[in-house]
C-alpha cells in the first residue's frame, strides 16, 4: 500500500471506541493473528484476545478498513497500562499507531490518571521489538526500567512511562466539549487554579487587558443560562466569564484580542488537566443579538469592559469526541511551503 503522495494525504482515518465484547474479541483476533512476529505464542495470544473483551478498547480504521486496535488496563489508581496494541503491517508508518495512543491518552486524562505506561521487550533482543521500542519513544514514552522477572531472560521487560500531566499531553487530548455536565460542584480551588492559568498568559506590552469573573452560584448561573438562546452549557455547574479592555499597547496598536485568546487557551488546557471539560463560546454570545450584554448586566460588569467569552466548567457526562484533523503534512512544512 502506498505510504505517501495523494493517497496517504487523502486517506480517511478514524478511531472508534468499541463497547461490544464480541466485536472487541473479533477485532483483536484479526489483528493479533496477522502479527505473529510480535504475538507468536498461541496461548498468550488467546489470553490477550480474551482479556481485551473486557477492557477500554479503541479500533483504528483507514477508509473504513480495520487497521489496528489498542486496549487499556488499570494498574493503579494513578496509572493505566496499554495492555495490548497492534497495527497491521500494511498500515505501518501512516500515523494510525500514534492516533491510537493519542486516543488512549485522551481517555486516560479524562479518567483522571496521572501516568500511561506500556511494556515491551528490551531493545537489542529482536528486530521486530526494536521497531516497537522506537515507536513508543517517537510518540513520547520515556524509559522507566527493565525487569527481567516479569517474563523471562529471553524477553526482558522494558517498561515505558508517559506523564499525563505534561503540557504536550494535555494539548494533544484537549477537545471542545458541548455535551452534558455532571451536577458535581467544581471546587473553588480548582476554579481559582484555572483562572490563574488564564491570567498567567502573556499580553501585548504587559497591558494585562484580560479580566475574569468566576461564576459558581446556582442562582446567578441560572440567570446567565436563561439569556443564552439558543441554549448552550445549560448543565454546567460553573462558568468563567472573560472580559477584555481595549488598551493600546503602543501608539494605536491594541492586542486585546490576542491577549484574551492566549488567556482562554491557557484556561482550556488547565480545565482538561484538572479533569474537567469546556468549550470556547464567543461568537454565539457576541453576535448581533448581543447576549454578552445581557450577561454583563447580570454580572454588573463596569463600563470599559467587553464581555467576549464564556467557558463552562464541569465533569463530562457524554463521550468527548475528537474532531477529524487534516493530515499533518497538509498544514506543517519545513523551510518553506514546497
Protein backbone atom coordinates (compact mmCIF):
# COMPACT_ATOMS: atom_id res chain seq x y z
CA UNK A 1 0.00 0.00 0.00
CA UNK A 2 1.30 3.45 -0.93
CA UNK A 3 2.51 5.35 2.13
CA UNK A 4 2.94 8.82 0.70
CA UNK A 5 1.63 11.02 -2.07
CA UNK A 6 -2.05 11.84 -2.71
CA UNK A 7 -3.44 8.56 -1.35
CA UNK A 8 -1.81 8.94 2.03
CA UNK A 9 -2.87 12.58 2.37
CA UNK A 10 -6.49 11.85 1.39
CA UNK A 11 -6.91 8.64 3.40
CA UNK A 12 -9.75 8.98 5.91
CA UNK A 13 -8.52 7.76 9.29
CA UNK A 14 -10.72 7.36 12.35
CA UNK A 15 -10.54 5.91 15.84
CA UNK A 16 -13.67 4.29 17.29
CA UNK A 17 -14.30 3.37 20.92
CA UNK A 18 -15.68 -0.19 20.88
CA UNK A 19 -18.08 -1.29 23.62
CA UNK A 20 -19.37 -4.67 22.43
CA UNK A 21 -17.35 -7.57 23.89
CA UNK A 22 -17.81 -9.83 20.87
CA UNK A 23 -16.69 -7.10 18.50
CA UNK A 24 -13.64 -6.45 20.67
CA UNK A 25 -12.67 -10.14 20.51
CA UNK A 26 -13.19 -10.24 16.75
CA UNK A 27 -11.03 -7.17 16.14
CA UNK A 28 -8.28 -8.32 18.49
CA UNK A 29 -8.20 -11.76 16.87
CA UNK A 30 -7.99 -10.38 13.34
CA UNK A 31 -5.12 -8.04 14.21
CA UNK A 32 -3.08 -10.28 16.53
CA UNK A 33 -3.27 -13.33 14.28
CA UNK A 34 -1.85 -11.16 11.49
CA UNK A 35 1.08 -10.02 13.63
CA UNK A 36 2.73 -13.28 14.62
CA UNK A 37 6.20 -11.64 14.61
CA UNK A 38 5.07 -9.99 17.85
CA UNK A 39 2.37 -12.40 19.05
CA UNK A 40 3.70 -15.82 18.02
CA UNK A 41 2.73 -17.88 21.10
CA UNK A 42 -0.83 -19.06 20.52
CA UNK A 43 -1.66 -19.48 24.21
CA UNK A 44 -0.52 -15.95 25.06
CA UNK A 45 -2.32 -14.56 22.03
CA UNK A 46 -5.58 -16.21 23.04
CA UNK A 47 -5.20 -14.83 26.56
CA UNK A 48 -4.75 -11.30 25.20
CA UNK A 49 -7.76 -11.67 22.91
CA UNK A 50 -9.97 -12.81 25.77
CA UNK A 51 -8.71 -10.13 28.15
CA UNK A 52 -9.25 -7.37 25.59
CA UNK A 53 -13.00 -8.11 25.52
CA UNK A 54 -13.44 -6.52 28.96
CA UNK A 55 -11.08 -3.55 28.62
CA UNK A 56 -11.45 0.01 27.26
CA UNK A 57 -10.91 -0.64 23.55
CA UNK A 58 -10.05 1.59 20.59
CA UNK A 59 -10.10 0.47 16.94
CA UNK A 60 -8.36 2.28 14.07
CA UNK A 61 -9.75 2.41 10.54
CA UNK A 62 -8.33 3.68 7.25
CA UNK A 63 -11.01 4.38 4.66
CA UNK A 64 -13.34 2.18 6.74
CA UNK A 65 -10.89 -0.75 6.64
CA UNK A 66 -9.89 -2.14 10.05
CA UNK A 67 -6.21 -1.33 10.56
CA UNK A 68 -5.41 -1.77 14.26
CA UNK A 69 -6.53 -1.58 17.86
CA UNK A 70 -5.42 -0.69 21.38
CA UNK A 71 -6.84 -1.53 24.80
CA UNK A 72 -6.08 -0.21 28.26
CA UNK A 73 -5.87 -1.80 31.70
CA UNK A 74 -5.73 -0.02 35.07
CA UNK A 75 -2.67 -0.98 37.13
CA UNK A 76 -3.17 1.51 39.98
CA UNK A 77 -5.36 4.47 40.89
CA UNK A 78 -2.82 6.71 39.13
CA UNK A 79 -1.65 4.56 36.22
CA UNK A 80 -3.23 2.88 33.22
CA UNK A 81 -1.36 0.42 31.01
CA UNK A 82 -1.52 -0.22 27.26
CA UNK A 83 -2.42 -3.87 27.74
CA UNK A 84 -2.11 -4.76 24.05
CA UNK A 85 -1.99 -2.89 20.75
CA UNK A 86 -1.25 -3.70 17.14
CA UNK A 87 -1.49 -2.18 13.68
CA UNK A 88 -1.48 -4.32 10.53
CA UNK A 89 1.88 -4.11 8.76
CA UNK A 90 0.39 -2.67 5.56
CA UNK A 91 -0.74 0.33 7.63
CA UNK A 92 2.55 0.95 9.42
CA UNK A 93 4.08 4.45 9.17
CA UNK A 94 0.73 6.06 8.35
CA UNK A 95 0.14 7.63 11.75
CA UNK A 96 -2.55 5.21 12.93
CA UNK A 97 -0.47 3.88 15.82
CA UNK A 98 0.13 7.42 17.02
CA UNK A 99 -3.57 8.21 16.72
CA UNK A 100 -4.45 5.15 18.80
CA UNK A 101 -2.01 6.27 21.51
CA UNK A 102 -3.45 9.80 21.36
CA UNK A 103 -6.98 8.43 21.83
CA UNK A 104 -5.82 6.30 24.76
CA UNK A 105 -4.02 9.24 26.30
CA UNK A 106 -7.10 11.47 25.99
CA UNK A 107 -9.25 8.76 27.60
CA UNK A 108 -6.77 8.34 30.47
CA UNK A 109 -6.64 12.09 31.11
CA UNK A 110 -10.44 12.29 31.24
CA UNK A 111 -10.50 9.41 33.74
CA UNK A 112 -8.05 11.25 35.99
CA UNK A 113 -4.96 9.04 35.63
CA UNK A 114 -1.53 10.60 36.05
CA UNK A 115 0.54 8.12 34.03
CA UNK A 116 0.24 5.98 30.91
CA UNK A 117 2.63 3.02 30.75
CA UNK A 118 3.45 0.23 28.33
CA UNK A 119 5.60 -2.90 28.48
CA UNK A 120 7.63 -4.39 25.65
CA UNK A 121 10.81 -6.43 25.12
CA UNK A 122 14.06 -4.60 25.76
CA UNK A 123 15.93 -3.16 22.78
CA UNK A 124 18.64 -5.31 21.22
CA UNK A 125 16.83 -8.61 21.62
CA UNK A 126 14.72 -8.88 18.45
CA UNK A 127 14.42 -6.72 15.33
CA UNK A 128 10.62 -6.63 15.48
CA UNK A 129 10.63 -5.38 19.08
CA UNK A 130 13.35 -2.86 18.31
CA UNK A 131 10.81 -1.29 15.94
CA UNK A 132 8.26 -1.32 18.76
CA UNK A 133 10.67 0.41 21.12
CA UNK A 134 11.41 3.05 18.51
CA UNK A 135 7.68 3.69 18.03
CA UNK A 136 6.99 4.18 21.73
CA UNK A 137 9.86 6.64 22.03
CA UNK A 138 8.62 8.57 18.97
CA UNK A 139 5.15 9.05 20.47
CA UNK A 140 6.50 10.41 23.77
CA UNK A 141 7.14 7.49 26.13
CA UNK A 142 10.24 7.52 28.34
CA UNK A 143 12.21 4.51 29.59
CA UNK A 144 11.43 3.69 33.21
CA UNK A 145 13.22 0.39 33.92
CA UNK A 146 13.89 -3.15 32.73
CA UNK A 147 12.59 -6.06 34.85
CA UNK A 148 13.64 -9.49 33.61
CA UNK A 149 11.50 -11.35 36.13
CA UNK A 150 8.19 -10.24 34.59
CA UNK A 151 8.62 -12.60 31.62
CA UNK A 152 11.98 -14.43 31.28
CA UNK A 153 15.65 -13.84 30.48
CA UNK A 154 15.00 -14.21 26.75
CA UNK A 155 12.32 -11.49 26.93
CA UNK A 156 13.48 -8.87 29.44
CA UNK A 157 10.59 -6.46 30.04
CA UNK A 158 11.22 -2.82 29.17
CA UNK A 159 8.73 -0.54 30.92
CA UNK A 160 7.96 2.83 29.36
CA UNK A 161 6.05 5.64 31.10
CA UNK A 162 4.34 8.81 29.96
CA UNK A 163 3.21 11.60 32.25
CA UNK A 164 -0.35 12.69 31.54
CA UNK A 165 0.21 15.99 33.29
CA UNK A 166 2.67 17.43 30.77
CA UNK A 167 1.73 20.41 28.61
CA UNK A 168 2.13 18.43 25.37
CA UNK A 169 -0.07 15.59 26.64
CA UNK A 170 -2.79 18.00 27.71
CA UNK A 171 -2.67 19.86 24.39
CA UNK A 172 -2.93 16.60 22.47
CA UNK A 173 -6.12 15.49 24.22
CA UNK A 174 -7.99 18.78 24.67
CA UNK A 175 -11.35 18.82 22.87
CA UNK A 176 -14.23 21.29 22.60
CA UNK A 177 -16.97 19.72 24.72
CA UNK A 178 -20.62 20.62 24.08
CA UNK A 179 -22.28 17.74 25.92
CA UNK A 180 -23.95 17.46 29.31
CA UNK A 181 -22.12 18.03 32.58
CA UNK A 182 -22.27 16.25 35.89
CA UNK A 183 -24.05 18.16 38.66
CA UNK A 184 -20.97 17.78 40.88
CA UNK A 185 -19.69 21.12 42.08
CA UNK A 186 -16.28 22.30 40.91
CA UNK A 187 -14.15 23.11 44.00
CA UNK A 188 -13.27 26.78 44.31
CA UNK A 189 -9.57 25.98 44.47
CA UNK A 190 -9.83 24.34 41.04
CA UNK A 191 -11.67 27.33 39.61
CA UNK A 192 -9.03 29.66 41.01
CA UNK A 193 -6.25 27.48 39.53
CA UNK A 194 -7.95 27.62 36.12
CA UNK A 195 -8.39 31.38 36.32
CA UNK A 196 -4.80 31.87 37.44
CA UNK A 197 -3.60 29.89 34.41
CA UNK A 198 -5.55 32.29 32.20
CA UNK A 199 -4.15 35.40 33.86
CA UNK A 200 -0.61 33.96 33.63
CA UNK A 201 -0.86 34.14 29.82
CA UNK A 202 1.26 36.74 28.00
CA UNK A 203 -0.24 40.08 26.98
CA UNK A 204 0.97 42.67 24.50
CA UNK A 205 3.42 45.03 26.24
CA UNK A 206 2.13 43.54 29.52
CA UNK A 207 -1.01 45.70 29.39
CA UNK A 208 -2.98 42.83 31.01
CA UNK A 209 -6.20 43.64 29.16
CA UNK A 210 -7.99 40.43 30.21
CA UNK A 211 -10.08 40.05 33.37
CA UNK A 212 -12.23 37.16 34.58
CA UNK A 213 -15.39 36.53 36.59
CA UNK A 214 -15.83 33.09 38.15
CA UNK A 215 -19.49 32.12 38.46
CA UNK A 216 -20.40 29.18 40.70
CA UNK A 217 -23.57 30.31 42.48
CA UNK A 218 -26.56 28.45 41.08
CA UNK A 219 -28.92 31.43 41.11
CA UNK A 220 -26.50 33.53 39.07
CA UNK A 221 -25.70 30.67 36.71
CA UNK A 222 -29.41 30.13 36.13
CA UNK A 223 -29.85 33.79 35.20
CA UNK A 224 -26.98 33.60 32.71
CA UNK A 225 -28.24 30.35 31.18
CA UNK A 226 -31.68 31.91 30.90
CA UNK A 227 -30.50 34.60 28.46
CA UNK A 228 -28.47 32.27 26.20
CA UNK A 229 -30.59 31.48 23.15
CA UNK A 230 -30.19 29.01 21.51
CA UNK A 231 -29.21 27.41 24.83
CA UNK A 232 -25.69 26.11 25.48
CA UNK A 233 -23.89 24.86 28.59
CA UNK A 234 -27.19 24.52 30.44
CA UNK A 235 -25.95 21.84 32.84
CA UNK A 236 -22.54 23.35 33.65
CA UNK A 237 -22.02 23.70 37.44
CA UNK A 238 -19.57 26.59 36.98
CA UNK A 239 -18.54 29.14 34.40
CA UNK A 240 -15.66 31.51 33.78
CA UNK A 241 -16.62 34.74 32.04
CA UNK A 242 -13.89 36.51 30.08
CA UNK A 243 -13.71 40.32 29.94
CA UNK A 244 -11.47 42.45 27.75
CA UNK A 245 -10.38 46.08 27.79
CA UNK A 246 -9.23 47.93 24.68
CA UNK A 247 -5.96 49.39 25.93
CA UNK A 248 -3.37 50.37 23.36
CA UNK A 249 -0.04 48.62 23.76
CA UNK A 250 1.81 51.41 21.91
CA UNK A 251 0.72 54.21 19.56
CA UNK A 252 -2.60 52.99 18.09
CA UNK A 253 -1.83 49.26 18.35
CA UNK A 254 -4.09 47.22 20.62
CA UNK A 255 -3.56 43.49 21.20
CA UNK A 256 -6.58 42.82 23.40
CA UNK A 257 -7.88 40.04 21.12
CA UNK A 258 -4.53 38.25 21.21
CA UNK A 259 -4.39 38.76 24.98
CA UNK A 260 -7.72 37.16 25.78
CA UNK A 261 -7.18 34.41 23.19
CA UNK A 262 -3.96 33.37 24.95
CA UNK A 263 -5.72 33.51 28.33
CA UNK A 264 -8.62 31.36 27.09
CA UNK A 265 -6.34 28.70 25.63
CA UNK A 266 -4.40 28.53 28.91
CA UNK A 267 -7.65 28.02 30.80
CA UNK A 268 -8.92 25.36 28.39
CA UNK A 269 -5.72 23.39 28.97
CA UNK A 270 -5.90 23.84 32.74
CA UNK A 271 -9.53 22.70 32.69
CA UNK A 272 -8.59 19.43 30.95
CA UNK A 273 -5.55 18.83 33.17
CA UNK A 274 -7.74 19.10 36.26
CA UNK A 275 -10.18 16.53 34.85
CA UNK A 276 -12.94 18.82 33.55
CA UNK A 277 -14.21 19.81 30.11
CA UNK A 278 -15.22 23.05 28.45
CA UNK A 279 -15.83 24.87 25.18
CA UNK A 280 -14.86 28.34 23.94
CA UNK A 281 -18.19 30.14 23.41
CA UNK A 282 -17.56 33.53 21.85
CA UNK A 283 -19.38 34.05 18.56
CA UNK A 284 -22.60 32.63 19.98
CA UNK A 285 -22.79 35.31 22.66
CA UNK A 286 -21.20 38.28 20.81
CA UNK A 287 -23.34 38.00 17.67
CA UNK A 288 -25.87 40.65 16.60
CA UNK A 289 -28.31 39.69 19.36
CA UNK A 290 -25.59 40.68 21.90
CA UNK A 291 -26.27 38.03 24.52
CA UNK A 292 -22.97 39.16 26.02
CA UNK A 293 -24.51 42.49 27.02
CA UNK A 294 -27.30 40.76 28.96
CA UNK A 295 -24.77 38.55 30.74
CA UNK A 296 -22.67 41.63 31.54
CA UNK A 297 -25.73 43.29 33.07
CA UNK A 298 -26.41 40.25 35.28
CA UNK A 299 -22.78 40.33 36.50
CA UNK A 300 -22.63 44.14 36.95
CA UNK A 301 -19.69 44.44 34.57
CA UNK A 302 -18.49 48.08 34.63
CA UNK A 303 -18.17 50.33 31.58
CA UNK A 304 -14.96 49.92 29.64
CA UNK A 305 -15.02 46.12 29.70
CA UNK A 306 -16.24 43.95 26.81
CA UNK A 307 -17.65 40.53 27.72
CA UNK A 308 -16.12 38.35 25.00
CA UNK A 309 -16.43 34.72 26.04
CA UNK A 310 -17.91 32.20 28.46
CA UNK A 311 -16.20 28.96 29.47
CA UNK A 312 -18.46 26.36 31.13
CA UNK A 313 -16.57 24.12 33.54
CA UNK A 314 -17.60 20.68 34.79
CA UNK A 315 -17.19 16.93 34.59
CA UNK A 316 -18.28 15.48 31.25
CA UNK A 317 -21.18 13.00 31.17
CA UNK A 318 -21.10 12.37 27.41
CA UNK A 319 -18.23 10.98 25.29
CA UNK A 320 -15.55 13.55 24.45
CA UNK A 321 -15.02 13.05 20.73
CA UNK A 322 -12.00 14.14 18.72
CA UNK A 323 -12.71 16.08 15.52
CA UNK A 324 -11.24 14.89 12.25
CA UNK A 325 -7.93 16.61 11.59
CA UNK A 326 -6.22 17.09 8.25
CA UNK A 327 -3.01 15.09 7.83
CA UNK A 328 -0.09 16.87 9.47
CA UNK A 329 1.74 17.21 6.16
CA UNK A 330 -1.03 19.41 4.73
CA UNK A 331 -0.59 22.05 7.42
CA UNK A 332 3.03 21.79 8.56
CA UNK A 333 6.06 22.42 6.35
CA UNK A 334 9.80 22.83 6.84
CA UNK A 335 11.72 25.79 5.42
CA UNK A 336 9.03 26.97 3.00
CA UNK A 337 5.71 25.79 1.60
CA UNK A 338 7.24 23.48 -1.01
